[in-house]
């Protein structure tokens, strides 16, 4: 990737004052839940400058990127996934990717989203029509990806992703994303939270002790109560974008919001907007086009060729000498 430079001095000064971009992964309720809290303010700003996005486009793709980042804790070993939203609305959707090594990238299916009147709020549902949400995963050694698709239910990226996990994997999962703008339209805070019930996990928690000699119906009722209380705590989260914009700390939220479940932070890791594209990679792709098509490009197209990466907006100049 050719990294675009953020040149706004006021924005750079602000970014230098707030908590660094980082994901904190945690477990709670004796391992019966796993979660992640992520400050992605710089990630969203890098995404924006790479794709040269307006405010609405930044809000939509930013939320998609934050969700993709929070899918990384669900990966097993070396894994790569694509999270895609296809709708018949004005925004059309997006395709974003996340990799277990810690990067995310992606693009809008409709750049420069048409709007009929000034935005009155950040309800994005009018820009999404009927459609589908698809997640495709491919792990090390897999010959073909595992693909799951559900109909869009809420026209809300985070809620529809949670709906996907409930429908496709029968797992209670919650996502919360937020992008905070200042009066000048700068992204001054962005982040997300992920929480997932892990059926069958955990040690001798209060719940497991209570249910050890209980019947199946009692166990189910107690488990449902635990899930309900965890969901209520999750919903009490203040605006994440504003929290980070105001200089909020990561662990203050985790240990405060979920204190009744005895959370434990287990890992901090960096997640960035990045793309493995390069001049050499694109040259190889072009060289492997059908012979007639390649010969036509060499004979008739300008030298050098300009190639733009959809996933990160990088522009490469490919000399024809690289194609021979």
Foldseek 3Di string as FASTA:
>chain_A
DPFDDDDPPVLVVLQVQFDDWKKWWKAFLQRQKIKIWTWCLVQLVSLCRLVVAALLQSFQVVQVQQVQQRCLVVDDDWKKKWKWWAFPFQQRTWIKMDTNVFEIWIFTPDGPRDDDDDDPDNPQLNRGHKTKIKMWMDGPPDPGTDMDMDIQDPSDVQVSVQVRCCVVVVWRKGKDWAFDADPVSRGLTIIMMIMTGDPPDGDPGPLCVVCVPPDPVVNVVSVVVVVVVLVVLVVPDDHRRVCRSVRHDDVCSVCVSPVVGPMDGDDMDHHHHDDPDDLLVVLVVLLPDPPVVSVCCLPDPDAFDWDADNTRGDIDGHGVVSND
